[in-house]
C-alpha atoms as a PDB file:
ATOM      1  CA  MET A   1     -98.476 -40.160  45.134  1.00  0.00           C
ATOM      2  CA  LEU A   2     -96.209 -37.220  46.009  1.00  0.00           C
ATOM      3  CA  VAL A   3     -94.221 -35.259  43.422  1.00  0.00           C
ATOM      4  CA  PHE A   4     -91.034 -33.474  44.496  1.00  0.00           C
ATOM      5  CA  GLU A   5     -89.243 -31.206  42.055  1.00  0.00           C
ATOM      6  CA  ALA A   6     -85.647 -29.973  41.914  1.00  0.00           C
ATOM      7  CA  LYS A   7     -83.644 -28.019  39.365  1.00  0.00           C
ATOM      8  CA  LEU A   8     -80.780 -29.695  37.507  1.00  0.00           C
ATOM      9  CA  GLU A   9     -77.380 -28.034  37.306  1.00  0.00           C
ATOM     10  CA  GLY A  10     -74.955 -29.312  34.704  1.00  0.00           C
ATOM     11  CA  LYS A  11     -72.953 -28.399  31.608  1.00  0.00           C
ATOM     12  CA  SER A  12     -74.276 -27.365  28.205  1.00  0.00           C
ATOM     13  CA  GLU A  13     -73.204 -30.711  26.700  1.00  0.00           C
ATOM     14  CA  GLN A  14     -75.281 -32.528  29.316  1.00  0.00           C
ATOM     15  CA  TYR A  15     -78.339 -30.402  28.542  1.00  0.00           C
ATOM     16  CA  GLU A  16     -77.995 -31.268  24.858  1.00  0.00           C
ATOM     17  CA  ARG A  17     -78.092 -34.966  25.727  1.00  0.00           C
ATOM     18  CA  LEU A  18     -81.206 -34.419  27.798  1.00  0.00           C
ATOM     19  CA  ASP A  19     -82.740 -32.689  24.781  1.00  0.00           C
ATOM     20  CA  GLU A  20     -81.984 -35.784  22.695  1.00  0.00           C
ATOM     21  CA  ALA A  21     -83.710 -37.982  25.267  1.00  0.00           C
ATOM     22  CA  ILE A  22     -86.757 -35.681  25.302  1.00  0.00           C
ATOM     23  CA  ARG A  23     -86.962 -35.709  21.491  1.00  0.00           C
ATOM     24  CA  THR A  24     -86.720 -39.503  21.439  1.00  0.00           C
ATOM     25  CA  ALA A  25     -89.493 -39.840  24.019  1.00  0.00           C
ATOM     26  CA  ARG A  26     -91.632 -37.476  21.948  1.00  0.00           C
ATOM     27  CA  PHE A  27     -90.952 -39.582  18.853  1.00  0.00           C
ATOM     28  CA  ILE A  28     -92.029 -42.784  20.656  1.00  0.00           C
ATOM     29  CA  ARG A  29     -95.252 -41.164  21.858  1.00  0.00           C
ATOM     30  CA  ASN A  30     -96.152 -39.732  18.459  1.00  0.00           C
ATOM     31  CA  SER A  31     -95.380 -43.042  16.735  1.00  0.00           C
ATOM     32  CA  CYS A  32     -97.670 -44.890  19.142  1.00  0.00           C
ATOM     33  CA  ILE A  33    -100.502 -42.470  18.455  1.00  0.00           C
ATOM     34  CA  ARG A  34     -99.988 -42.865  14.706  1.00  0.00           C
ATOM     35  CA  TYR A  35    -100.008 -46.657  15.104  1.00  0.00           C
ATOM     36  CA  TRP A  36    -103.303 -46.403  17.012  1.00  0.00           C
ATOM     37  CA  MET A  37    -104.799 -44.215  14.271  1.00  0.00           C
ATOM     38  CA  ASP A  38    -103.754 -46.525  11.448  1.00  0.00           C
ATOM     39  CA  THR A  39    -104.543 -49.869  13.107  1.00  0.00           C
ATOM     40  CA  LYS A  40    -107.990 -50.850  14.311  1.00  0.00           C
ATOM     41  CA  GLY A  41    -108.428 -52.406  17.738  1.00  0.00           C
ATOM     42  CA  VAL A  42    -105.085 -51.368  19.214  1.00  0.00           C
ATOM     43  CA  GLY A  43    -104.989 -51.520  23.006  1.00  0.00           C
ATOM     44  CA  ARG A  44    -102.639 -50.485  25.778  1.00  0.00           C
ATOM     45  CA  TYR A  45    -100.489 -53.619  25.662  1.00  0.00           C
ATOM     46  CA  ASP A  46    -100.268 -53.419  21.882  1.00  0.00           C
ATOM     47  CA  LEU A  47     -98.611 -50.018  22.205  1.00  0.00           C
ATOM     48  CA  SER A  48     -96.074 -51.431  24.686  1.00  0.00           C
ATOM     49  CA  ALA A  49     -95.249 -54.221  22.220  1.00  0.00           C
ATOM     50  CA  TYR A  50     -94.955 -51.664  19.430  1.00  0.00           C
ATOM     51  CA  CYS A  51     -92.051 -50.042  21.311  1.00  0.00           C
ATOM     52  CA  VAL A  52     -89.987 -53.150  20.536  1.00  0.00           C
ATOM     53  CA  VAL A  53     -90.796 -52.760  16.836  1.00  0.00           C
ATOM     54  CA  LEU A  54     -89.728 -49.113  16.911  1.00  0.00           C
ATOM     55  CA  ALA A  55     -86.451 -50.019  18.626  1.00  0.00           C
ATOM     56  CA  LYS A  56     -85.626 -52.517  15.864  1.00  0.00           C
ATOM     57  CA  GLU A  57     -86.637 -50.152  13.062  1.00  0.00           C
ATOM     58  CA  PHE A  58     -84.842 -47.106  14.497  1.00  0.00           C
ATOM     59  CA  PRO A  59     -81.592 -48.145  16.231  1.00  0.00           C
ATOM     60  CA  TRP A  60     -81.008 -44.661  17.641  1.00  0.00           C
ATOM     61  CA  ALA A  61     -84.211 -45.051  19.686  1.00  0.00           C
ATOM     62  CA  THR A  62     -82.525 -47.803  21.731  1.00  0.00           C
ATOM     63  CA  LYS A  63     -80.503 -45.126  23.541  1.00  0.00           C
ATOM     64  CA  LEU A  64     -83.670 -44.569  25.528  1.00  0.00           C
ATOM     65  CA  ASN A  65     -83.976 -47.620  27.782  1.00  0.00           C
ATOM     66  CA  SER A  66     -86.898 -49.999  27.452  1.00  0.00           C
ATOM     67  CA  MET A  67     -88.741 -48.759  30.542  1.00  0.00           C
ATOM     68  CA  ALA A  68     -88.567 -45.144  29.371  1.00  0.00           C
ATOM     69  CA  ARG A  69     -89.925 -46.190  25.977  1.00  0.00           C
ATOM     70  CA  GLN A  70     -92.776 -47.999  27.711  1.00  0.00           C
ATOM     71  CA  ALA A  71     -93.471 -44.892  29.784  1.00  0.00           C
ATOM     72  CA  SER A  72     -93.789 -42.866  26.558  1.00  0.00           C
ATOM     73  CA  ALA A  73     -96.225 -45.457  25.213  1.00  0.00           C
ATOM     74  CA  GLU A  74     -98.212 -45.257  28.457  1.00  0.00           C
ATOM     75  CA  ARG A  75     -98.451 -41.493  28.098  1.00  0.00           C
ATOM     76  CA  ALA A  76     -99.772 -41.970  24.566  1.00  0.00           C
ATOM     77  CA  TRP A  77    -102.366 -44.426  25.833  1.00  0.00           C
ATOM     78  CA  SER A  78    -103.434 -42.057  28.635  1.00  0.00           C
ATOM     79  CA  SER A  79    -104.401 -39.438  26.025  1.00  0.00           C
ATOM     80  CA  ILE A  80    -106.268 -42.108  24.043  1.00  0.00           C
ATOM     81  CA  ALA A  81    -108.073 -43.395  27.136  1.00  0.00           C
ATOM     82  CA  ARG A  82    -109.051 -39.833  28.079  1.00  0.00           C
ATOM     83  CA  PHE A  83    -110.578 -39.378  24.620  1.00  0.00           C
ATOM     84  CA  PHE A  84    -112.567 -42.640  24.938  1.00  0.00           C
ATOM     85  CA  ASP A  85    -113.743 -41.667  28.422  1.00  0.00           C
ATOM     86  CA  ASN A  86    -115.002 -38.268  27.215  1.00  0.00           C
ATOM     87  CA  CYS A  87    -116.859 -39.952  24.366  1.00  0.00           C
ATOM     88  CA  LYS A  88    -118.536 -42.460  26.716  1.00  0.00           C
ATOM     89  CA  LYS A  89    -119.615 -39.686  29.074  1.00  0.00           C
ATOM     90  CA  ALA A  90    -120.966 -37.669  26.103  1.00  0.00           C
ATOM     91  CA  LYS A  91    -118.951 -34.684  27.218  1.00  0.00           C
ATOM     92  CA  PRO A  92    -120.192 -31.544  25.409  1.00  0.00           C
ATOM     93  CA  GLY A  93    -117.862 -29.856  22.941  1.00  0.00           C
ATOM     94  CA  LYS A  94    -114.549 -31.289  21.818  1.00  0.00           C
ATOM     95  CA  LYS A  95    -113.671 -34.704  23.201  1.00  0.00           C
ATOM     96  CA  GLY A  96    -109.890 -34.207  23.239  1.00  0.00           C
ATOM     97  CA  PHE A  97    -108.779 -36.319  20.298  1.00  0.00           C
ATOM     98  CA  PRO A  98    -105.093 -37.296  20.804  1.00  0.00           C
ATOM     99  CA  ARG A  99    -102.674 -34.889  19.177  1.00  0.00           C
ATOM    100  CA  PHE A 100     -99.050 -35.182  18.146  1.00  0.00           C
ATOM    101  CA  LYS A 101     -96.516 -33.389  20.302  1.00  0.00           C
ATOM    102  CA  LYS A 102     -94.637 -30.846  18.223  1.00  0.00           C
ATOM    103  CA  HIS A 103     -91.039 -29.788  18.667  1.00  0.00           C
ATOM    104  CA  SER A 104     -90.871 -26.874  21.093  1.00  0.00           C
ATOM    105  CA  SER A 105     -88.680 -25.334  23.762  1.00  0.00           C
ATOM    106  CA  HIS A 106     -90.293 -27.519  26.449  1.00  0.00           C
ATOM    107  CA  GLY A 107     -90.934 -31.212  26.881  1.00  0.00           C
ATOM    108  CA  SER A 108     -90.235 -34.140  29.184  1.00  0.00           C
ATOM    109  CA  VAL A 109     -88.950 -37.692  29.359  1.00  0.00           C
ATOM    110  CA  GLU A 110     -89.983 -40.169  32.015  1.00  0.00           C
ATOM    111  CA  TYR A 111     -87.890 -42.961  33.524  1.00  0.00           C
ATOM    112  CA  LYS A 112     -89.120 -45.739  35.775  1.00  0.00           C
ATOM    113  CA  THR A 113     -86.763 -47.668  38.072  1.00  0.00           C
ATOM    114  CA  CYS A 114     -83.662 -47.702  35.875  1.00  0.00           C
ATOM    115  CA  GLY A 115     -81.652 -45.224  33.839  1.00  0.00           C
ATOM    116  CA  TRP A 116     -80.957 -43.013  36.842  1.00  0.00           C
ATOM    117  CA  LYS A 117     -79.225 -43.205  40.227  1.00  0.00           C
ATOM    118  CA  LEU A 118     -79.247 -40.892  43.232  1.00  0.00           C
ATOM    119  CA  SER A 119     -76.086 -40.149  45.163  1.00  0.00           C
ATOM    120  CA  GLU A 120     -75.732 -41.185  48.797  1.00  0.00           C
ATOM    121  CA  ASP A 121     -76.329 -37.649  50.056  1.00  0.00           C
ATOM    122  CA  ARG A 122     -79.371 -37.308  47.734  1.00  0.00           C
ATOM    123  CA  ARG A 123     -78.011 -34.025  46.352  1.00  0.00           C
ATOM    124  CA  SER A 124     -77.142 -35.223  42.840  1.00  0.00           C
ATOM    125  CA  ILE A 125     -78.508 -37.624  40.248  1.00  0.00           C
ATOM    126  CA  ASN A 126     -76.752 -39.551  37.506  1.00  0.00           C
ATOM    127  CA  PHE A 127     -78.496 -40.502  34.236  1.00  0.00           C
ATOM    128  CA  SER A 128     -76.847 -43.647  32.877  1.00  0.00           C
ATOM    129  CA  ASP A 129     -78.997 -44.594  29.891  1.00  0.00           C
ATOM    130  CA  GLY A 130     -77.784 -44.616  26.284  1.00  0.00           C
ATOM    131  CA  PHE A 131     -77.602 -40.817  26.097  1.00  0.00           C
ATOM    132  CA  LYS A 132     -75.193 -40.710  29.075  1.00  0.00           C
ATOM    133  CA  ALA A 133     -76.150 -37.253  30.258  1.00  0.00           C
ATOM    134  CA  GLY A 134     -74.061 -37.806  33.383  1.00  0.00           C
ATOM    135  CA  CYS A 135     -74.298 -36.362  36.886  1.00  0.00           C
ATOM    136  CA  PHE A 136     -76.368 -33.278  37.765  1.00  0.00           C
ATOM    137  CA  LYS A 137     -76.573 -31.342  41.004  1.00  0.00           C
ATOM    138  CA  LEU A 138     -80.042 -31.033  42.543  1.00  0.00           C
ATOM    139  CA  TRP A 139     -81.267 -27.638  43.733  1.00  0.00           C
ATOM    140  CA  GLY A 140     -84.465 -27.763  45.757  1.00  0.00           C
ATOM    141  CA  SER A 141     -85.987 -27.472  49.206  1.00  0.00           C
ATOM    142  CA  ARG A 142     -87.346 -31.031  49.431  1.00  0.00           C
ATOM    143  CA  ASP A 143     -85.539 -33.588  51.573  1.00  0.00           C
ATOM    144  CA  LEU A 144     -85.451 -36.981  49.868  1.00  0.00           C
ATOM    145  CA  HIS A 145     -83.887 -38.691  52.904  1.00  0.00           C
ATOM    146  CA  GLU A 146     -87.344 -39.181  54.413  1.00  0.00           C
ATOM    147  CA  TYR A 147     -88.226 -41.749  51.750  1.00  0.00           C
ATOM    148  CA  GLN A 148     -86.705 -45.024  50.632  1.00  0.00           C
ATOM    149  CA  LEU A 149     -85.355 -45.456  47.116  1.00  0.00           C
ATOM    150  CA  ASN A 150     -87.915 -48.151  46.364  1.00  0.00           C
ATOM    151  CA  GLN A 151     -90.668 -45.594  47.009  1.00  0.00           C
ATOM    152  CA  ILE A 152     -89.536 -43.533  44.001  1.00  0.00           C
ATOM    153  CA  LYS A 153     -91.592 -45.033  41.183  1.00  0.00           C
ATOM    154  CA  ARG A 154     -90.928 -42.501  38.418  1.00  0.00           C
ATOM    155  CA  VAL A 155     -88.303 -39.881  37.598  1.00  0.00           C
ATOM    156  CA  ARG A 156     -89.371 -37.270  35.082  1.00  0.00           C
ATOM    157  CA  VAL A 157     -87.024 -34.759  33.423  1.00  0.00           C
ATOM    158  CA  VAL A 158     -88.834 -31.569  32.372  1.00  0.00           C
ATOM    159  CA  CYS A 159     -87.453 -28.819  30.145  1.00  0.00           C
ATOM    160  CA  ARG A 160     -88.746 -25.303  30.759  1.00  0.00           C
ATOM    161  CA  ALA A 161     -87.790 -21.846  29.572  1.00  0.00           C
ATOM    162  CA  ASP A 162     -85.514 -21.243  32.559  1.00  0.00           C
ATOM    163  CA  GLY A 163     -83.758 -24.615  32.680  1.00  0.00           C
ATOM    164  CA  TYR A 164     -84.158 -28.323  33.324  1.00  0.00           C
ATOM    165  CA  TYR A 165     -85.974 -29.852  36.267  1.00  0.00           C
ATOM    166  CA  VAL A 166     -86.363 -33.362  37.650  1.00  0.00           C
ATOM    167  CA  GLN A 167     -89.551 -34.613  39.292  1.00  0.00           C
ATOM    168  CA  PHE A 168     -89.580 -37.551  41.711  1.00  0.00           C
ATOM    169  CA  CYS A 169     -92.896 -39.419  41.876  1.00  0.00           C
ATOM    170  CA  ILE A 170     -92.944 -40.988  45.352  1.00  0.00           C
ATOM    171  CA  ASP A 171     -95.376 -43.667  46.479  1.00  0.00           C
ATOM    172  CA  ALA A 172     -96.475 -42.092  49.759  1.00  0.00           C
ATOM    173  CA  GLU A 173     -99.449 -40.306  51.267  1.00  0.00           C
ATOM    174  CA  ARG A 174     -99.468 -36.874  52.850  1.00  0.00           C
ATOM    175  CA  ASN A 175    -101.553 -36.435  55.992  1.00  0.00           C
ATOM    176  CA  GLU A 176    -101.273 -33.489  58.366  1.00  0.00           C
ATOM    177  CA  LYS A 177    -103.031 -32.856  61.664  1.00  0.00           C
ATOM    178  CA  ARG A 178    -104.946 -29.694  62.512  1.00  0.00           C
ATOM    179  CA  GLU A 179    -107.047 -28.464  65.389  1.00  0.00           C
ATOM    180  CA  PRO A 180    -110.810 -28.183  64.683  1.00  0.00           C
ATOM    181  CA  THR A 181    -111.951 -24.583  64.282  1.00  0.00           C
ATOM    182  CA  ARG A 182    -115.736 -25.274  64.393  1.00  0.00           C
ATOM    183  CA  LYS A 183    -116.203 -22.943  61.446  1.00  0.00           C
ATOM    184  CA  THR A 184    -117.721 -23.307  57.993  1.00  0.00           C
ATOM    185  CA  ILE A 185    -117.319 -21.102  54.960  1.00  0.00           C
ATOM    186  CA  GLY A 186    -118.921 -20.672  51.560  1.00  0.00           C
ATOM    187  CA  LEU A 187    -116.969 -19.175  48.643  1.00  0.00           C
ATOM    188  CA  ASP A 188    -118.287 -17.283  45.627  1.00  0.00           C
ATOM    189  CA  VAL A 189    -115.519 -16.548  43.113  1.00  0.00           C
ATOM    190  CA  GLY A 190    -115.602 -13.525  40.844  1.00  0.00           C
ATOM    191  CA  LEU A 191    -113.539 -11.132  38.746  1.00  0.00           C
ATOM    192  CA  THR A 192    -113.824  -7.894  40.754  1.00  0.00           C
ATOM    193  CA  HIS A 193    -112.868  -9.852  43.881  1.00  0.00           C
ATOM    194  CA  PHE A 194    -111.151 -13.205  43.674  1.00  0.00           C
ATOM    195  CA  TYR A 195    -113.757 -14.567  46.066  1.00  0.00           C
ATOM    196  CA  THR A 196    -116.367 -13.366  48.534  1.00  0.00           C
ATOM    197  CA  ASP A 197    -117.072 -15.652  51.466  1.00  0.00           C
ATOM    198  CA  SER A 198    -120.353 -16.184  53.309  1.00  0.00           C
ATOM    199  CA  ASP A 199    -119.231 -13.796  56.087  1.00  0.00           C
ATOM    200  CA  GLY A 200    -118.876 -10.939  53.617  1.00  0.00           C
ATOM    201  CA  ASN A 201    -115.068 -10.961  53.542  1.00  0.00           C
ATOM    202  CA  THR A 202    -113.384 -10.462  50.178  1.00  0.00           C
ATOM    203  CA  VAL A 203    -109.992 -11.221  48.659  1.00  0.00           C
ATOM    204  CA  GLU A 204    -108.731  -8.972  45.912  1.00  0.00           C
ATOM    205  CA  ASN A 205    -108.089 -10.409  42.473  1.00  0.00           C
ATOM    206  CA  PRO A 206    -104.312 -10.218  41.875  1.00  0.00           C
ATOM    207  CA  ARG A 207    -104.653 -10.078  38.037  1.00  0.00           C
ATOM    208  CA  HIS A 208    -101.141 -11.417  37.391  1.00  0.00           C
ATOM    209  CA  LEU A 209    -101.506 -11.483  33.606  1.00  0.00           C
ATOM    210  CA  ARG A 210    -103.023  -8.010  33.386  1.00  0.00           C
ATOM    211  CA  LYS A 211    -100.181  -6.513  35.420  1.00  0.00           C
ATOM    212  CA  SER A 212     -97.573  -8.129  33.156  1.00  0.00           C
ATOM    213  CA  GLU A 213     -99.419  -7.506  29.889  1.00  0.00           C
ATOM    214  CA  LYS A 214     -97.408  -4.412  28.998  1.00  0.00           C
ATOM    215  CA  SER A 215     -94.053  -6.188  29.243  1.00  0.00           C
ATOM    216  CA  LEU A 216     -95.441  -9.245  27.429  1.00  0.00           C
ATOM    217  CA  LYS A 217     -96.555  -7.109  24.505  1.00  0.00           C
ATOM    218  CA  ARG A 218     -93.143  -5.466  24.345  1.00  0.00           C
ATOM    219  CA  LEU A 219     -91.407  -8.861  24.264  1.00  0.00           C
ATOM    220  CA  ASN A 220     -93.841 -10.026  21.578  1.00  0.00           C
ATOM    221  CA  ARG A 221     -92.975  -7.041  19.406  1.00  0.00           C
ATOM    222  CA  ARG A 222     -89.260  -7.735  19.804  1.00  0.00           C
ATOM    223  CA  LEU A 223     -89.847 -11.341  18.794  1.00  0.00           C
ATOM    224  CA  SER A 224     -91.770 -10.346  15.679  1.00  0.00           C
ATOM    225  CA  ARG A 225     -88.902  -8.096  14.512  1.00  0.00           C
ATOM    226  CA  THR A 226     -86.330 -10.876  14.535  1.00  0.00           C
ATOM    227  CA  LYS A 227     -85.519 -13.045  11.540  1.00  0.00           C
ATOM    228  CA  LYS A 228     -86.959 -16.552  11.443  1.00  0.00           C
ATOM    229  CA  GLY A 229     -84.378 -19.238  12.159  1.00  0.00           C
ATOM    230  CA  SER A 230     -81.865 -16.820  13.667  1.00  0.00           C
ATOM    231  CA  LYS A 231     -80.237 -17.053  17.094  1.00  0.00           C
ATOM    232  CA  ASN A 232     -81.674 -13.660  18.036  1.00  0.00           C
ATOM    233  CA  ARG A 233     -85.153 -15.077  17.468  1.00  0.00           C
ATOM    234  CA  ASP A 234     -84.415 -17.998  19.771  1.00  0.00           C
ATOM    235  CA  LYS A 235     -83.185 -15.596  22.448  1.00  0.00           C
ATOM    236  CA  ALA A 236     -86.253 -13.368  22.083  1.00  0.00           C
ATOM    237  CA  ARG A 237     -88.572 -16.371  22.251  1.00  0.00           C
ATOM    238  CA  ASN A 238     -86.814 -17.620  25.360  1.00  0.00           C
ATOM    239  CA  ARG A 239     -87.215 -14.240  27.086  1.00  0.00           C
ATOM    240  CA  LEU A 240     -90.917 -14.266  26.239  1.00  0.00           C
ATOM    241  CA  ASN A 241     -91.337 -17.817  27.506  1.00  0.00           C
ATOM    242  CA  LYS A 242     -89.573 -16.936  30.755  1.00  0.00           C
ATOM    243  CA  LYS A 243     -91.984 -14.049  31.309  1.00  0.00           C
ATOM    244  CA  HIS A 244     -95.003 -16.285  30.707  1.00  0.00           C
ATOM    245  CA  LEU A 245     -93.515 -18.864  33.072  1.00  0.00           C
ATOM    246  CA  LYS A 246     -93.048 -16.233  35.759  1.00  0.00           C
ATOM    247  CA  VAL A 247     -96.682 -15.143  35.450  1.00  0.00           C
ATOM    248  CA  SER A 248     -97.961 -18.719  35.683  1.00  0.00           C
ATOM    249  CA  ARG A 249     -95.807 -19.402  38.744  1.00  0.00           C
ATOM    250  CA  ARG A 250     -97.141 -16.297  40.498  1.00  0.00           C
ATOM    251  CA  ARG A 251    -100.689 -17.363  39.718  1.00  0.00           C
ATOM    252  CA  LYS A 252    -100.114 -20.869  41.061  1.00  0.00           C
ATOM    253  CA  ASP A 253     -98.336 -19.610  44.183  1.00  0.00           C
ATOM    254  CA  PHE A 254    -101.268 -17.330  44.989  1.00  0.00           C
ATOM    255  CA  ALA A 255    -103.814 -20.134  44.499  1.00  0.00           C
ATOM    256  CA  VAL A 256    -101.845 -22.650  46.600  1.00  0.00           C
ATOM    257  CA  LYS A 257    -101.259 -20.325  49.564  1.00  0.00           C
ATOM    258  CA  LEU A 258    -104.832 -19.026  49.587  1.00  0.00           C
ATOM    259  CA  ALA A 259    -106.336 -22.529  49.309  1.00  0.00           C
ATOM    260  CA  ARG A 260    -104.187 -23.804  52.176  1.00  0.00           C
ATOM    261  CA  CYS A 261    -105.206 -20.852  54.368  1.00  0.00           C
ATOM    262  CA  VAL A 262    -108.918 -21.399  53.629  1.00  0.00           C
ATOM    263  CA  VAL A 263    -108.803 -25.129  54.381  1.00  0.00           C
ATOM    264  CA  GLN A 264    -106.773 -24.784  57.580  1.00  0.00           C
ATOM    265  CA  SER A 265    -109.136 -22.116  58.961  1.00  0.00           C
ATOM    266  CA  ASN A 266    -112.402 -24.042  58.486  1.00  0.00           C
ATOM    267  CA  ASP A 267    -113.922 -27.446  59.121  1.00  0.00           C
ATOM    268  CA  LEU A 268    -116.196 -27.262  56.070  1.00  0.00           C
ATOM    269  CA  VAL A 269    -115.539 -25.459  52.785  1.00  0.00           C
ATOM    270  CA  ALA A 270    -118.317 -25.023  50.215  1.00  0.00           C
ATOM    271  CA  TYR A 271    -117.679 -23.458  46.826  1.00  0.00           C
ATOM    272  CA  GLU A 272    -119.679 -22.735  43.726  1.00  0.00           C
ATOM    273  CA  ASP A 273    -119.672 -25.419  41.049  1.00  0.00           C
ATOM    274  CA  LEU A 274    -118.696 -23.465  37.918  1.00  0.00           C
ATOM    275  CA  GLN A 275    -118.259 -24.762  34.386  1.00  0.00           C
ATOM    276  CA  VAL A 276    -115.144 -22.715  33.640  1.00  0.00           C
ATOM    277  CA  LYS A 277    -114.599 -24.455  30.292  1.00  0.00           C
ATOM    278  CA  ASN A 278    -117.899 -23.032  29.039  1.00  0.00           C
ATOM    279  CA  MET A 279    -117.379 -19.618  30.622  1.00  0.00           C
ATOM    280  CA  VAL A 280    -114.091 -18.958  28.816  1.00  0.00           C
ATOM    281  CA  LYS A 281    -115.982 -19.052  25.506  1.00  0.00           C
ATOM    282  CA  ASN A 282    -117.057 -15.488  26.294  1.00  0.00           C
ATOM    283  CA  LYS A 283    -114.622 -13.464  24.178  1.00  0.00           C
ATOM    284  CA  LYS A 284    -114.880 -10.370  26.370  1.00  0.00           C
ATOM    285  CA  LEU A 285    -114.163 -12.155  29.655  1.00  0.00           C
ATOM    286  CA  SER A 286    -112.078 -15.171  28.609  1.00  0.00           C
ATOM    287  CA  LYS A 287    -108.723 -13.549  29.395  1.00  0.00           C
ATOM    288  CA  SER A 288    -109.846 -12.326  32.817  1.00  0.00           C
ATOM    289  CA  ILE A 289    -111.399 -15.699  33.687  1.00  0.00           C
ATOM    290  CA  SER A 290    -108.259 -17.569  32.665  1.00  0.00           C
ATOM    291  CA  ASP A 291    -106.115 -15.124  34.638  1.00  0.00           C
ATOM    292  CA  ALA A 292    -108.204 -15.707  37.773  1.00  0.00           C
ATOM    293  CA  ALA A 293    -107.419 -19.461  37.685  1.00  0.00           C
ATOM    294  CA  TRP A 294    -110.577 -20.576  39.486  1.00  0.00           C
ATOM    295  CA  THR A 295    -110.052 -24.209  38.494  1.00  0.00           C
ATOM    296  CA  THR A 296    -106.524 -24.233  39.936  1.00  0.00           C
ATOM    297  CA  PHE A 297    -107.813 -22.734  43.173  1.00  0.00           C
ATOM    298  CA  ARG A 298    -110.580 -25.343  43.403  1.00  0.00           C
ATOM    299  CA  ASN A 299    -108.203 -28.234  42.714  1.00  0.00           C
ATOM    300  CA  TRP A 300    -105.873 -27.122  45.489  1.00  0.00           C
ATOM    301  CA  ILE A 301    -108.786 -26.719  47.902  1.00  0.00           C
ATOM    302  CA  GLU A 302    -109.775 -30.329  47.210  1.00  0.00           C
ATOM    303  CA  TYR A 303    -106.165 -31.464  47.612  1.00  0.00           C
ATOM    304  CA  PHE A 304    -105.607 -29.700  50.941  1.00  0.00           C
ATOM    305  CA  GLY A 305    -109.021 -30.921  52.073  1.00  0.00           C
ATOM    306  CA  LYS A 306    -107.758 -34.501  51.745  1.00  0.00           C
ATOM    307  CA  VAL A 307    -104.441 -33.647  53.397  1.00  0.00           C
ATOM    308  CA  PHE A 308    -105.972 -31.941  56.453  1.00  0.00           C
ATOM    309  CA  GLY A 309    -109.162 -34.034  56.608  1.00  0.00           C
ATOM    310  CA  VAL A 310    -111.498 -31.100  55.847  1.00  0.00           C
ATOM    311  CA  SER A 311    -114.802 -31.646  54.076  1.00  0.00           C
ATOM    312  CA  CYS A 312    -115.015 -29.787  50.746  1.00  0.00           C
ATOM    313  CA  SER A 313    -118.177 -29.800  48.647  1.00  0.00           C
ATOM    314  CA  THR A 314    -119.991 -27.857  45.934  1.00  0.00           C
ATOM    315  CA  PHE A 315    -123.260 -26.009  46.332  1.00  0.00           C
ATOM    316  CA  LYS A 316    -125.508 -23.817  44.266  1.00  0.00           C
ATOM    317  CA  LEU A 317    -124.993 -20.080  44.513  1.00  0.00           C
ATOM    318  CA  HIS A 318    -128.110 -19.342  46.606  1.00  0.00           C
ATOM    319  CA  TYR A 319    -126.837 -21.698  49.315  1.00  0.00           C
ATOM    320  CA  LEU A 320    -123.560 -19.792  49.514  1.00  0.00           C
ATOM    321  CA  CYS A 321    -125.306 -16.472  50.069  1.00  0.00           C
ATOM    322  CA  ALA A 322    -126.695 -17.653  53.425  1.00  0.00           C
ATOM    323  CA  ARG A 323    -124.520 -17.181  56.483  1.00  0.00           C
ATOM    324  CA  PRO A 324    -123.330 -20.636  57.617  1.00  0.00           C
ATOM    325  CA  HIS A 325    -123.951 -21.853  61.125  1.00  0.00           C
ATOM    326  CA  THR A 326    -121.203 -22.837  63.526  1.00  0.00           C
ATOM    327  CA  VAL A 327    -120.347 -26.493  63.581  1.00  0.00           C
ATOM    328  CA  ARG A 328    -121.427 -28.109  66.815  1.00  0.00           C
ATOM    329  CA  GLY A 329    -119.705 -31.122  68.174  1.00  0.00           C
END
């Protein structure tokens, strides 16, 4: 499954209608979780049937089409299933009990095969459900002409601090060819250096959050001085959210580019198997560990390993310290 993202350009009235759709989807999800809490033995299909009950009880919820309501119920069930799975595996610590989504400046609504329509040139999208948000221009670098319309299984509208985005979930696989390099590499991540490989090469830790901490603190102080419920407070909160979003995007961009470079340059990538969730409990190092984003880097290494057909595995630290041998054909 591939996910392509583009930014939506429209009018303020259209954005307000998208906000209504997002709030309705949040209401459906929270209601399904409450129904699961109050009723014993509720399953996945029971939550889908409960969407019909909600539509009859709350007529304004019918503006969100039936498939979008079912998608919200499926998202509620995914959080429930994750909680059950963690309990069965006896996962240490908190098991991730399903929580209610609160009203915030961000959120999303997911459509399936109806409620939206792409233009012929694939540069605009029209939302035609009960909220009638209308036509939006698409700004992005992805070319949707390479895929058929029936390959688009989901369309997700996401609200962020800097605007509204649409994500296309496409039923396709990504496979790219590469020439064998006959090289192997072992990675040991750290805080002084982002990682040290088995050849002794190091990559500096960018410390995106630490570099932006001064401006974040200043924006936090400005937010605390504003009056609750005022428009100035909303503006200050939005500026702070935009700064956090910028930091997270820089962190992700660094992890993606570095992971792709590592995978393309080697035929075997070995990395240390760290329990980051337990390591962030250290109060003195939690901020630095979170800023390093080791888990994000590892996930992208595994993803690019599947794309380029490179073997990626975990080893203990003492195996990584040894210089790897050259792969022989």
